[in-house]
Amino acid sequence: MFIEYIRYEKRYSPHTVTAYQNDLSQFFDFLEQQYDIHEIDGVDHQIVRSWLVHLIEQGVSERSVNRKITTLKSFYRYLVKSGKADVNPMNRLSSLKTSKRLPLFLEQERMDRLFDQVDYGEDFPGIRNKLILELLYSTGMRLSELIHLHDYDIDLQHASLKVLGKRNKERIIPFGSSLGELLKRYQVMKRELFPSQTWLFLTDSGAQIYPKMVYRIVNQALAQVSTLTRRSPHILRHTFATHLLNNGAELNAVKELLGHSSLAATQIYTHNEIEKLKRIYQQAHPKA
């Protein structure tokens, strides 16, 4: 089955697997409702195109439509490869052109306020919440990587940690002394409260932390220092990369820290600096 294939053989992340499941479920519902098709054999490129047009008419964004196209391309490649389909209708369809969206990030001043002026408290939830924010900003790790950290992934002696990224690819990320001190404080407190738990981040009751909880922690904290409408954990990853590049870090080094498979994925962060230079030029140059 396709979902088992991408989960266990391709080793896609749980988030990606869920997205693919939802996309396919929506596609199959459309086939039944609009064409009374219950078998995948009866689908050609025109039917797929009609679904894409339907999505656009419903107001689905170009990026979301393109993700669904990617899902169907993977799905039909699997069907053809496994002999469950003779024709791949996706061969005659291409992705929509989209405008490049620059990643949102917070200015250095706002990050300073986040860590120096916001009061998180000195109890277990307070120290945990501040550590989550500092770890996301100081390492640029993904939400899924943070949630799956264990105590043994932290090397305080060498000021580094190990994360398991996409495609089960491990990488080592260094961190600074202030984050190291906060990690020490948190781990001491966690061992006293929940001595048998090896997950690094826990809920107030000692269970493994979950995505919605991290979203809530980040959203509430960022709301105190920023007017951004999007305040997800990924904003801190964008901020990490942007601040590194703005302060002279090499693009390849940032690529490795982020765990990107190609340099093209990292280059999007250089656009923010280019836009900044354009604004400075327009304001300052007499010929602008």
Foldseek 3Di string as FASTA:
>chain_A
DLLCCCCPVVVFDPVLSVLLVVLVVVLQVCCCVPPVDDDPAVDALVSVVVVLVVCVVVVNDLVSSQSSLVSLQSVQVVCCVVVNYVDRRSVPPDGDDDDDDFAAADDPVLVCCLQPPDQQDDALRSLLLSLLLCCCQFQLEDPVFLLQDFQVQADLVQQWGWTQDGSRDIAITHGDDVSSVSLVSNVVNCCVVPVVGGGSDADPVGHRDDQVVNQVSQVVSSVVRDPDPDRGSNNSSLHNLLVCVVVPHDLVVNCRSNVPPDSVVSCSSVVVVVVVVVVVCVVPPPVD
